[in-house]
């Protein structure tokens, strides 16, 4: 709907140039590509519901739209807390395919503004699954203050107006959030090492090698699976290298036709499990000291639609 409204509008180029930024803000705040699209569209709908005189009175339209989008996101975050209390099992953010894979879902002559949602979200460490999981543990105000300031470089005065707090309060919220993020990033691994460990994990998983899997897992590894009550998944987090290894071997035993591919998930090395042309799971990992310390496996089909489209399009080329 928004696209139709935009066509012929003199501010079309401005709207297109900022759309990726708004979508990027919304995804980092909500952890959901589909909700980010909805929020971004709602923001533009509210803009175009203004009368021409009201729009002309807005001194900085981009700032107005960012403020509106942020407030909509805060409302979503508050309601999401209530929804997740009744969510079956663990809730994980919606994973994004890498830009190259996502690009296969777009038409060759599509304009940049109308590309796949994944391409319009800048894929860097600020959308890593590890960071998004940390963001989920923050209050809405903390999350907004950190994302807008540390990722998108908004001033605390601007953020204060969006969240209804003082600039000093927003500064403190961002500082608190930053400490949580820094703690989560206390140990970093190079992309090459991360990929090497993931590949070894994939090989051991596919072959059902429990000993091999255990050797690749930190003794205190945790694994979280998200089935959303739609498909089978562990309701509680799994802990310990033996329990996690046996879980993954059991998955392969029950699904012997499962193919596992190395892919990029939210800008980092990951894995995708496929049966036929159906994506069954997307796996993200954190590697520390040469071993996997954390695993997040998204199985909820409602969070895999972008992957379904991308994989199907890729195999048809």
C-alpha atoms as a PDB file:
ATOM      1  CA  UNK A   1       0.000   0.000   0.000  1.00  0.00           C
ATOM      2  CA  UNK A   2       2.761   2.420   0.894  1.00  0.00           C
ATOM      3  CA  UNK A   3       4.468   1.876  -2.431  1.00  0.00           C
ATOM      4  CA  UNK A   4       1.344   2.958  -4.288  1.00  0.00           C
ATOM      5  CA  UNK A   5       1.034   6.071  -2.188  1.00  0.00           C
ATOM      6  CA  UNK A   6       4.676   6.949  -2.781  1.00  0.00           C
ATOM      7  CA  UNK A   7       4.496   6.797  -6.558  1.00  0.00           C
ATOM      8  CA  UNK A   8       4.280  10.244  -8.090  1.00  0.00           C
ATOM      9  CA  UNK A   9       5.050  11.943  -4.792  1.00  0.00           C
ATOM     10  CA  UNK A  10       7.703  14.691  -5.030  1.00  0.00           C
ATOM     11  CA  UNK A  11       9.349  13.357  -1.888  1.00  0.00           C
ATOM     12  CA  UNK A  12       9.732   9.883  -3.417  1.00  0.00           C
ATOM     13  CA  UNK A  13      13.532   9.896  -3.541  1.00  0.00           C
ATOM     14  CA  UNK A  14      13.773  11.033   0.086  1.00  0.00           C
ATOM     15  CA  UNK A  15      11.353   8.336   1.213  1.00  0.00           C
ATOM     16  CA  UNK A  16      13.307   5.663  -0.642  1.00  0.00           C
ATOM     17  CA  UNK A  17      16.682   6.760   0.690  1.00  0.00           C
ATOM     18  CA  UNK A  18      15.538   6.636   4.310  1.00  0.00           C
ATOM     19  CA  UNK A  19      13.441   3.466   4.093  1.00  0.00           C
ATOM     20  CA  UNK A  20      16.417   1.159   4.655  1.00  0.00           C
ATOM     21  CA  UNK A  21      17.400   3.172   7.734  1.00  0.00           C
ATOM     22  CA  UNK A  22      13.911   2.961   9.218  1.00  0.00           C
ATOM     23  CA  UNK A  23      13.704  -0.754   8.508  1.00  0.00           C
ATOM     24  CA  UNK A  24      17.134  -1.232  10.077  1.00  0.00           C
ATOM     25  CA  UNK A  25      16.077   0.614  13.222  1.00  0.00           C
ATOM     26  CA  UNK A  26      12.841  -1.372  13.469  1.00  0.00           C
ATOM     27  CA  UNK A  27      14.523  -4.765  12.984  1.00  0.00           C
ATOM     28  CA  UNK A  28      17.098  -4.094  15.680  1.00  0.00           C
ATOM     29  CA  UNK A  29      14.406  -2.874  18.053  1.00  0.00           C
ATOM     30  CA  UNK A  30      11.954  -5.721  17.410  1.00  0.00           C
ATOM     31  CA  UNK A  31      14.092  -8.672  16.327  1.00  0.00           C
ATOM     32  CA  UNK A  32      11.544  -9.506  13.644  1.00  0.00           C
ATOM     33  CA  UNK A  33      11.839  -8.721   9.937  1.00  0.00           C
ATOM     34  CA  UNK A  34       8.100  -9.100   9.361  1.00  0.00           C
ATOM     35  CA  UNK A  35       7.220  -6.786  12.250  1.00  0.00           C
ATOM     36  CA  UNK A  36       9.879  -4.328  11.096  1.00  0.00           C
ATOM     37  CA  UNK A  37       8.213  -4.185   7.679  1.00  0.00           C
ATOM     38  CA  UNK A  38       4.790  -3.644   9.282  1.00  0.00           C
ATOM     39  CA  UNK A  39       6.081  -0.876  11.542  1.00  0.00           C
ATOM     40  CA  UNK A  40       7.886   0.853   8.695  1.00  0.00           C
ATOM     41  CA  UNK A  41       4.772   0.767   6.551  1.00  0.00           C
ATOM     42  CA  UNK A  42       2.616   2.044   9.404  1.00  0.00           C
ATOM     43  CA  UNK A  43       5.035   4.948   9.833  1.00  0.00           C
ATOM     44  CA  UNK A  44       4.612   5.992   6.206  1.00  0.00           C
ATOM     45  CA  UNK A  45       0.860   5.545   6.388  1.00  0.00           C
ATOM     46  CA  UNK A  46       0.735   7.937   9.320  1.00  0.00           C
ATOM     47  CA  UNK A  47       2.879  10.408   7.399  1.00  0.00           C
ATOM     48  CA  UNK A  48       0.592  10.360   4.382  1.00  0.00           C
ATOM     49  CA  UNK A  49      -2.511  10.638   6.554  1.00  0.00           C
ATOM     50  CA  UNK A  50      -1.331  14.115   7.484  1.00  0.00           C
ATOM     51  CA  UNK A  51      -2.781  16.890   5.414  1.00  0.00           C
ATOM     52  CA  UNK A  52      -0.405  18.660   2.989  1.00  0.00           C
ATOM     53  CA  UNK A  53      -0.388  21.630   5.349  1.00  0.00           C
ATOM     54  CA  UNK A  54       0.532  19.418   8.308  1.00  0.00           C
ATOM     55  CA  UNK A  55       3.363  17.801   6.356  1.00  0.00           C
ATOM     56  CA  UNK A  56       4.661  21.193   5.268  1.00  0.00           C
ATOM     57  CA  UNK A  57       4.720  22.264   8.903  1.00  0.00           C
ATOM     58  CA  UNK A  58       7.118  19.454   9.808  1.00  0.00           C
ATOM     59  CA  UNK A  59      10.593  20.980   9.727  1.00  0.00           C
ATOM     60  CA  UNK A  60      12.507  17.698   9.396  1.00  0.00           C
ATOM     61  CA  UNK A  61      10.296  14.943   7.915  1.00  0.00           C
ATOM     62  CA  UNK A  62      12.947  12.238   8.379  1.00  0.00           C
ATOM     63  CA  UNK A  63      13.186  13.039  12.091  1.00  0.00           C
ATOM     64  CA  UNK A  64       9.390  12.990  12.370  1.00  0.00           C
ATOM     65  CA  UNK A  65       9.208   9.554  10.766  1.00  0.00           C
ATOM     66  CA  UNK A  66      11.992   8.188  12.951  1.00  0.00           C
ATOM     67  CA  UNK A  67      10.230   9.464  16.059  1.00  0.00           C
ATOM     68  CA  UNK A  68       6.920   7.921  15.005  1.00  0.00           C
ATOM     69  CA  UNK A  69       8.551   4.608  14.074  1.00  0.00           C
ATOM     70  CA  UNK A  70      10.376   4.477  17.412  1.00  0.00           C
ATOM     71  CA  UNK A  71       7.192   5.082  19.377  1.00  0.00           C
ATOM     72  CA  UNK A  72       5.371   2.375  17.423  1.00  0.00           C
ATOM     73  CA  UNK A  73       8.270   0.012  18.156  1.00  0.00           C
ATOM     74  CA  UNK A  74       8.124   0.817  21.867  1.00  0.00           C
ATOM     75  CA  UNK A  75       4.417  -0.061  21.881  1.00  0.00           C
ATOM     76  CA  UNK A  76       5.231  -3.328  20.087  1.00  0.00           C
ATOM     77  CA  UNK A  77       7.983  -4.148  22.570  1.00  0.00           C
ATOM     78  CA  UNK A  78       5.683  -3.594  25.520  1.00  0.00           C
ATOM     79  CA  UNK A  79       2.938  -5.773  24.051  1.00  0.00           C
ATOM     80  CA  UNK A  80       5.520  -8.373  22.989  1.00  0.00           C
ATOM     81  CA  UNK A  81       6.462  -8.953  26.616  1.00  0.00           C
ATOM     82  CA  UNK A  82       2.901 -10.011  27.354  1.00  0.00           C
ATOM     83  CA  UNK A  83       2.717 -12.184  24.208  1.00  0.00           C
ATOM     84  CA  UNK A  84       5.949 -13.962  25.026  1.00  0.00           C
ATOM     85  CA  UNK A  85       4.693 -14.922  28.456  1.00  0.00           C
ATOM     86  CA  UNK A  86       2.318 -17.320  26.701  1.00  0.00           C
ATOM     87  CA  UNK A  87       4.726 -18.250  23.886  1.00  0.00           C
ATOM     88  CA  UNK A  88       5.360 -21.993  23.809  1.00  0.00           C
ATOM     89  CA  UNK A  89       9.006 -22.612  24.659  1.00  0.00           C
ATOM     90  CA  UNK A  90      11.861 -20.187  24.109  1.00  0.00           C
ATOM     91  CA  UNK A  91      11.447 -17.104  21.877  1.00  0.00           C
ATOM     92  CA  UNK A  92      14.318 -16.219  19.537  1.00  0.00           C
ATOM     93  CA  UNK A  93      14.714 -13.312  17.095  1.00  0.00           C
ATOM     94  CA  UNK A  94      13.871 -13.918  13.450  1.00  0.00           C
ATOM     95  CA  UNK A  95      17.103 -14.826  11.601  1.00  0.00           C
ATOM     96  CA  UNK A  96      18.066 -13.096   8.366  1.00  0.00           C
ATOM     97  CA  UNK A  97      19.790 -14.679   5.361  1.00  0.00           C
ATOM     98  CA  UNK A  98      22.903 -12.988   4.014  1.00  0.00           C
ATOM     99  CA  UNK A  99      22.481 -10.324   1.343  1.00  0.00           C
ATOM    100  CA  UNK A 100      23.732 -12.540  -1.514  1.00  0.00           C
ATOM    101  CA  UNK A 101      21.199 -15.241  -0.733  1.00  0.00           C
ATOM    102  CA  UNK A 102      18.452 -12.684  -0.178  1.00  0.00           C
ATOM    103  CA  UNK A 103      19.249 -11.019  -3.483  1.00  0.00           C
ATOM    104  CA  UNK A 104      18.119 -14.139  -5.336  1.00  0.00           C
ATOM    105  CA  UNK A 105      14.571 -13.400  -4.179  1.00  0.00           C
ATOM    106  CA  UNK A 106      14.434 -10.058  -5.999  1.00  0.00           C
ATOM    107  CA  UNK A 107      13.679  -9.227  -9.582  1.00  0.00           C
ATOM    108  CA  UNK A 108      16.741  -8.207 -11.627  1.00  0.00           C
ATOM    109  CA  UNK A 109      15.328  -4.773 -12.488  1.00  0.00           C
ATOM    110  CA  UNK A 110      13.818  -3.911  -9.143  1.00  0.00           C
ATOM    111  CA  UNK A 111      14.845  -0.564  -7.766  1.00  0.00           C
ATOM    112  CA  UNK A 112      16.961  -0.459  -4.631  1.00  0.00           C
ATOM    113  CA  UNK A 113      14.009   0.899  -2.662  1.00  0.00           C
ATOM    114  CA  UNK A 114      11.886  -2.143  -3.471  1.00  0.00           C
ATOM    115  CA  UNK A 115      14.464  -4.816  -2.787  1.00  0.00           C
ATOM    116  CA  UNK A 116      13.942  -7.719  -0.448  1.00  0.00           C
ATOM    117  CA  UNK A 117      13.618  -6.680   3.221  1.00  0.00           C
ATOM    118  CA  UNK A 118      16.892  -8.403   4.072  1.00  0.00           C
ATOM    119  CA  UNK A 119      18.823  -6.275   1.591  1.00  0.00           C
ATOM    120  CA  UNK A 120      17.437  -3.100   3.112  1.00  0.00           C
ATOM    121  CA  UNK A 121      18.736  -4.007   6.579  1.00  0.00           C
ATOM    122  CA  UNK A 122      22.463  -3.349   6.862  1.00  0.00           C
ATOM    123  CA  UNK A 123      23.979  -6.669   7.860  1.00  0.00           C
ATOM    124  CA  UNK A 124      26.785  -6.120  10.356  1.00  0.00           C
ATOM    125  CA  UNK A 125      27.577  -7.076  13.935  1.00  0.00           C
ATOM    126  CA  UNK A 126      24.690  -4.920  15.163  1.00  0.00           C
ATOM    127  CA  UNK A 127      22.292  -7.577  13.838  1.00  0.00           C
ATOM    128  CA  UNK A 128      24.198 -10.636  15.047  1.00  0.00           C
ATOM    129  CA  UNK A 129      22.012 -13.187  16.786  1.00  0.00           C
ATOM    130  CA  UNK A 130      24.133 -12.882  19.926  1.00  0.00           C
ATOM    131  CA  UNK A 131      23.464  -9.145  20.124  1.00  0.00           C
ATOM    132  CA  UNK A 132      19.758  -9.500  19.354  1.00  0.00           C
ATOM    133  CA  UNK A 133      19.422 -12.074  22.135  1.00  0.00           C
ATOM    134  CA  UNK A 134      21.056  -9.628  24.557  1.00  0.00           C
ATOM    135  CA  UNK A 135      18.759  -6.833  23.364  1.00  0.00           C
ATOM    136  CA  UNK A 136      15.762  -9.050  24.134  1.00  0.00           C
ATOM    137  CA  UNK A 137      16.701  -8.976  27.805  1.00  0.00           C
ATOM    138  CA  UNK A 138      16.612  -5.177  27.972  1.00  0.00           C
ATOM    139  CA  UNK A 139      13.717  -2.910  28.794  1.00  0.00           C
ATOM    140  CA  UNK A 140      12.185  -1.128  25.779  1.00  0.00           C
ATOM    141  CA  UNK A 141      13.759   2.168  26.883  1.00  0.00           C
ATOM    142  CA  UNK A 142      17.209   0.576  27.262  1.00  0.00           C
ATOM    143  CA  UNK A 143      16.964  -1.090  23.882  1.00  0.00           C
ATOM    144  CA  UNK A 144      15.846   2.069  22.116  1.00  0.00           C
ATOM    145  CA  UNK A 145      18.506   4.228  23.792  1.00  0.00           C
ATOM    146  CA  UNK A 146      21.308   1.822  22.927  1.00  0.00           C
ATOM    147  CA  UNK A 147      20.249   1.084  19.342  1.00  0.00           C
ATOM    148  CA  UNK A 148      19.554   4.690  18.389  1.00  0.00           C
ATOM    149  CA  UNK A 149      22.688   6.084  20.018  1.00  0.00           C
ATOM    150  CA  UNK A 150      25.343   3.393  19.604  1.00  0.00           C
ATOM    151  CA  UNK A 151      24.213   1.954  16.273  1.00  0.00           C
ATOM    152  CA  UNK A 152      22.539   4.874  14.491  1.00  0.00           C
ATOM    153  CA  UNK A 153      24.368   7.771  16.166  1.00  0.00           C
ATOM    154  CA  UNK A 154      21.349   9.759  17.347  1.00  0.00           C
ATOM    155  CA  UNK A 155      22.000  12.280  20.102  1.00  0.00           C
ATOM    156  CA  UNK A 156      20.530  11.743  23.561  1.00  0.00           C
ATOM    157  CA  UNK A 157      18.480  14.910  23.120  1.00  0.00           C
ATOM    158  CA  UNK A 158      16.833  13.372  20.041  1.00  0.00           C
ATOM    159  CA  UNK A 159      16.320  10.038  21.781  1.00  0.00           C
ATOM    160  CA  UNK A 160      14.815  11.728  24.830  1.00  0.00           C
ATOM    161  CA  UNK A 161      12.100  13.244  22.682  1.00  0.00           C
ATOM    162  CA  UNK A 162      11.307   9.834  21.183  1.00  0.00           C
ATOM    163  CA  UNK A 163      11.084   7.870  24.435  1.00  0.00           C
ATOM    164  CA  UNK A 164       9.722  10.565  26.724  1.00  0.00           C
ATOM    165  CA  UNK A 165      12.728  10.577  29.082  1.00  0.00           C
ATOM    166  CA  UNK A 166      15.364  13.174  29.908  1.00  0.00           C
ATOM    167  CA  UNK A 167      18.618  13.137  27.915  1.00  0.00           C
ATOM    168  CA  UNK A 168      20.497  12.162  31.077  1.00  0.00           C
ATOM    169  CA  UNK A 169      18.146   9.239  31.691  1.00  0.00           C
ATOM    170  CA  UNK A 170      18.639   8.065  28.115  1.00  0.00           C
ATOM    171  CA  UNK A 171      22.401   8.335  28.549  1.00  0.00           C
ATOM    172  CA  UNK A 172      22.212   6.125  31.643  1.00  0.00           C
ATOM    173  CA  UNK A 173      19.941   3.636  29.882  1.00  0.00           C
ATOM    174  CA  UNK A 174      22.345   3.387  26.953  1.00  0.00           C
ATOM    175  CA  UNK A 175      25.286   2.966  29.324  1.00  0.00           C
ATOM    176  CA  UNK A 176      23.551   0.121  31.149  1.00  0.00           C
ATOM    177  CA  UNK A 177      22.675  -1.547  27.855  1.00  0.00           C
ATOM    178  CA  UNK A 178      26.215  -1.058  26.557  1.00  0.00           C
ATOM    179  CA  UNK A 179      27.656  -2.902  29.550  1.00  0.00           C
ATOM    180  CA  UNK A 180      25.428  -5.893  28.846  1.00  0.00           C
ATOM    181  CA  UNK A 181      26.527  -5.890  25.227  1.00  0.00           C
ATOM    182  CA  UNK A 182      30.202  -5.594  26.131  1.00  0.00           C
ATOM    183  CA  UNK A 183      29.889  -8.523  28.540  1.00  0.00           C
ATOM    184  CA  UNK A 184      28.343 -10.617  25.759  1.00  0.00           C
ATOM    185  CA  UNK A 185      31.196  -9.637  23.417  1.00  0.00           C
ATOM    186  CA  UNK A 186      33.907 -10.293  25.986  1.00  0.00           C
ATOM    187  CA  UNK A 187      35.484 -12.916  23.732  1.00  0.00           C
ATOM    188  CA  UNK A 188      35.557 -12.528  19.963  1.00  0.00           C
ATOM    189  CA  UNK A 189      36.369 -15.044  17.245  1.00  0.00           C
ATOM    190  CA  UNK A 190      37.489 -14.304  13.716  1.00  0.00           C
ATOM    191  CA  UNK A 191      34.985 -15.120  10.949  1.00  0.00           C
ATOM    192  CA  UNK A 192      37.426 -17.703   9.570  1.00  0.00           C
ATOM    193  CA  UNK A 193      37.721 -19.526  12.895  1.00  0.00           C
ATOM    194  CA  UNK A 194      33.980 -19.286  13.429  1.00  0.00           C
ATOM    195  CA  UNK A 195      33.362 -20.812  10.012  1.00  0.00           C
ATOM    196  CA  UNK A 196      35.927 -23.572  10.579  1.00  0.00           C
ATOM    197  CA  UNK A 197      34.328 -24.659  13.859  1.00  0.00           C
ATOM    198  CA  UNK A 198      30.838 -24.494  12.337  1.00  0.00           C
ATOM    199  CA  UNK A 199      31.940 -26.659   9.402  1.00  0.00           C
ATOM    200  CA  UNK A 200      33.425 -29.224  11.766  1.00  0.00           C
ATOM    201  CA  UNK A 201      30.218 -29.173  13.815  1.00  0.00           C
ATOM    202  CA  UNK A 202      28.178 -29.676  10.647  1.00  0.00           C
ATOM    203  CA  UNK A 203      30.254 -32.684   9.582  1.00  0.00           C
ATOM    204  CA  UNK A 204      30.033 -34.301  13.009  1.00  0.00           C
ATOM    205  CA  UNK A 205      26.313 -33.605  13.203  1.00  0.00           C
ATOM    206  CA  UNK A 206      25.531 -35.082   9.788  1.00  0.00           C
ATOM    207  CA  UNK A 207      27.594 -38.200  10.529  1.00  0.00           C
ATOM    208  CA  UNK A 208      26.032 -38.659  13.974  1.00  0.00           C
ATOM    209  CA  UNK A 209      29.432 -38.484  15.660  1.00  0.00           C
ATOM    210  CA  UNK A 210      28.623 -37.753  19.314  1.00  0.00           C
ATOM    211  CA  UNK A 211      32.255 -37.773  20.402  1.00  0.00           C
ATOM    212  CA  UNK A 212      33.140 -35.404  17.593  1.00  0.00           C
ATOM    213  CA  UNK A 213      30.306 -33.075  18.542  1.00  0.00           C
ATOM    214  CA  UNK A 214      31.243 -33.081  22.207  1.00  0.00           C
ATOM    215  CA  UNK A 215      34.836 -32.204  21.320  1.00  0.00           C
ATOM    216  CA  UNK A 216      33.584 -29.140  19.429  1.00  0.00           C
ATOM    217  CA  UNK A 217      31.283 -27.946  22.219  1.00  0.00           C
ATOM    218  CA  UNK A 218      32.257 -26.003  25.298  1.00  0.00           C
ATOM    219  CA  UNK A 219      31.549 -28.187  28.371  1.00  0.00           C
ATOM    220  CA  UNK A 220      29.082 -25.539  29.552  1.00  0.00           C
ATOM    221  CA  UNK A 221      27.500 -24.930  26.133  1.00  0.00           C
ATOM    222  CA  UNK A 222      23.863 -23.845  26.007  1.00  0.00           C
ATOM    223  CA  UNK A 223      21.469 -24.532  23.151  1.00  0.00           C
ATOM    224  CA  UNK A 224      18.131 -22.771  22.715  1.00  0.00           C
ATOM    225  CA  UNK A 225      15.569 -23.965  20.181  1.00  0.00           C
ATOM    226  CA  UNK A 226      12.490 -22.029  19.088  1.00  0.00           C
ATOM    227  CA  UNK A 227       9.582 -24.009  17.674  1.00  0.00           C
ATOM    228  CA  UNK A 228       6.876 -21.613  18.807  1.00  0.00           C
ATOM    229  CA  UNK A 229       4.585 -24.528  19.634  1.00  0.00           C
ATOM    230  CA  UNK A 230       4.191 -25.083  15.890  1.00  0.00           C
ATOM    231  CA  UNK A 231       6.932 -27.701  15.444  1.00  0.00           C
ATOM    232  CA  UNK A 232       8.884 -29.854  17.880  1.00  0.00           C
ATOM    233  CA  UNK A 233      11.640 -28.132  19.845  1.00  0.00           C
ATOM    234  CA  UNK A 234      13.186 -28.280  23.295  1.00  0.00           C
ATOM    235  CA  UNK A 235      10.952 -26.238  25.576  1.00  0.00           C
ATOM    236  CA  UNK A 236      13.796 -25.397  27.948  1.00  0.00           C
ATOM    237  CA  UNK A 237      17.396 -24.467  27.082  1.00  0.00           C
ATOM    238  CA  UNK A 238      19.772 -27.417  26.852  1.00  0.00           C
ATOM    239  CA  UNK A 239      23.015 -27.242  28.843  1.00  0.00           C
ATOM    240  CA  UNK A 240      26.236 -29.221  28.787  1.00  0.00           C
ATOM    241  CA  UNK A 241      28.138 -30.639  25.831  1.00  0.00           C
ATOM    242  CA  UNK A 242      26.826 -34.199  26.199  1.00  0.00           C
ATOM    243  CA  UNK A 243      23.156 -33.211  26.377  1.00  0.00           C
ATOM    244  CA  UNK A 244      23.487 -30.828  23.436  1.00  0.00           C
ATOM    245  CA  UNK A 245      25.434 -33.338  21.325  1.00  0.00           C
ATOM    246  CA  UNK A 246      22.868 -36.072  21.948  1.00  0.00           C
ATOM    247  CA  UNK A 247      20.056 -33.680  21.076  1.00  0.00           C
ATOM    248  CA  UNK A 248      21.540 -32.878  17.667  1.00  0.00           C
ATOM    249  CA  UNK A 249      22.334 -36.516  16.929  1.00  0.00           C
ATOM    250  CA  UNK A 250      18.740 -37.403  17.833  1.00  0.00           C
ATOM    251  CA  UNK A 251      17.500 -34.750  15.403  1.00  0.00           C
ATOM    252  CA  UNK A 252      19.483 -36.381  12.588  1.00  0.00           C
ATOM    253  CA  UNK A 253      18.279 -39.836  13.606  1.00  0.00           C
ATOM    254  CA  UNK A 254      14.653 -38.730  13.424  1.00  0.00           C
ATOM    255  CA  UNK A 255      15.237 -36.774  10.194  1.00  0.00           C
ATOM    256  CA  UNK A 256      17.816 -38.810   8.199  1.00  0.00           C
ATOM    257  CA  UNK A 257      17.092 -36.878   4.977  1.00  0.00           C
ATOM    258  CA  UNK A 258      18.061 -33.577   6.635  1.00  0.00           C
ATOM    259  CA  UNK A 259      20.677 -31.660   4.633  1.00  0.00           C
ATOM    260  CA  UNK A 260      22.808 -29.135   6.520  1.00  0.00           C
ATOM    261  CA  UNK A 261      24.385 -26.199   4.691  1.00  0.00           C
ATOM    262  CA  UNK A 262      26.877 -23.600   5.822  1.00  0.00           C
ATOM    263  CA  UNK A 263      25.378 -20.127   5.341  1.00  0.00           C
ATOM    264  CA  UNK A 264      25.616 -16.612   6.720  1.00  0.00           C
ATOM    265  CA  UNK A 265      23.030 -15.850   9.397  1.00  0.00           C
ATOM    266  CA  UNK A 266      22.682 -12.246  10.549  1.00  0.00           C
ATOM    267  CA  UNK A 267      26.140 -11.360   9.203  1.00  0.00           C
ATOM    268  CA  UNK A 268      27.903 -14.306  10.857  1.00  0.00           C
ATOM    269  CA  UNK A 269      28.663 -17.941   9.922  1.00  0.00           C
ATOM    270  CA  UNK A 270      25.703 -20.218  10.579  1.00  0.00           C
ATOM    271  CA  UNK A 271      23.907 -23.336   9.377  1.00  0.00           C
ATOM    272  CA  UNK A 272      20.589 -24.102   7.743  1.00  0.00           C
ATOM    273  CA  UNK A 273      18.789 -27.461   7.841  1.00  0.00           C
ATOM    274  CA  UNK A 274      16.775 -28.387   4.748  1.00  0.00           C
ATOM    275  CA  UNK A 275      14.579 -31.339   3.786  1.00  0.00           C
ATOM    276  CA  UNK A 276      13.672 -31.301   0.107  1.00  0.00           C
ATOM    277  CA  UNK A 277      12.875 -27.639  -0.547  1.00  0.00           C
ATOM    278  CA  UNK A 278      11.674 -27.031   3.004  1.00  0.00           C
ATOM    279  CA  UNK A 279      13.777 -25.071   5.480  1.00  0.00           C
ATOM    280  CA  UNK A 280      13.415 -26.745   8.871  1.00  0.00           C
ATOM    281  CA  UNK A 281      15.853 -24.774  10.967  1.00  0.00           C
ATOM    282  CA  UNK A 282      18.383 -21.958  10.981  1.00  0.00           C
ATOM    283  CA  UNK A 283      21.243 -22.307  13.452  1.00  0.00           C
ATOM    284  CA  UNK A 284      23.443 -19.536  14.861  1.00  0.00           C
ATOM    285  CA  UNK A 285      26.454 -20.110  17.095  1.00  0.00           C
ATOM    286  CA  UNK A 286      28.956 -18.304  19.284  1.00  0.00           C
ATOM    287  CA  UNK A 287      32.497 -19.671  19.242  1.00  0.00           C
ATOM    288  CA  UNK A 288      34.937 -19.090  22.087  1.00  0.00           C
ATOM    289  CA  UNK A 289      38.426 -20.554  22.353  1.00  0.00           C
ATOM    290  CA  UNK A 290      37.840 -22.828  19.392  1.00  0.00           C
ATOM    291  CA  UNK A 291      34.621 -24.351  20.733  1.00  0.00           C
ATOM    292  CA  UNK A 292      30.931 -23.538  20.434  1.00  0.00           C
ATOM    293  CA  UNK A 293      29.669 -21.819  23.576  1.00  0.00           C
ATOM    294  CA  UNK A 294      26.108 -20.965  22.515  1.00  0.00           C
ATOM    295  CA  UNK A 295      23.669 -22.295  19.916  1.00  0.00           C
ATOM    296  CA  UNK A 296      20.378 -20.783  18.801  1.00  0.00           C
ATOM    297  CA  UNK A 297      18.204 -22.889  16.509  1.00  0.00           C
ATOM    298  CA  UNK A 298      15.091 -21.251  15.057  1.00  0.00           C
ATOM    299  CA  UNK A 299      12.529 -23.835  13.948  1.00  0.00           C
ATOM    300  CA  UNK A 300       9.311 -21.833  14.082  1.00  0.00           C
ATOM    301  CA  UNK A 301       8.132 -21.806  10.418  1.00  0.00           C
ATOM    302  CA  UNK A 302       6.681 -18.332  10.890  1.00  0.00           C
ATOM    303  CA  UNK A 303      10.246 -17.027  11.342  1.00  0.00           C
ATOM    304  CA  UNK A 304      11.701 -18.866   8.356  1.00  0.00           C
ATOM    305  CA  UNK A 305       9.661 -17.403   5.494  1.00  0.00           C
ATOM    306  CA  UNK A 306      12.555 -15.290   4.178  1.00  0.00           C
ATOM    307  CA  UNK A 307      14.753 -18.384   4.147  1.00  0.00           C
ATOM    308  CA  UNK A 308      12.059 -20.439   2.416  1.00  0.00           C
ATOM    309  CA  UNK A 309      11.802 -17.847  -0.349  1.00  0.00           C
ATOM    310  CA  UNK A 310      15.554 -17.414  -0.697  1.00  0.00           C
ATOM    311  CA  UNK A 311      16.384 -21.126  -0.786  1.00  0.00           C
ATOM    312  CA  UNK A 312      13.540 -21.902  -3.200  1.00  0.00           C
ATOM    313  CA  UNK A 313      14.571 -19.067  -5.529  1.00  0.00           C
ATOM    314  CA  UNK A 314      18.214 -20.072  -5.374  1.00  0.00           C
ATOM    315  CA  UNK A 315      17.524 -23.717  -6.297  1.00  0.00           C
ATOM    316  CA  UNK A 316      15.340 -22.656  -9.229  1.00  0.00           C
ATOM    317  CA  UNK A 317      18.091 -20.534 -10.841  1.00  0.00           C
END
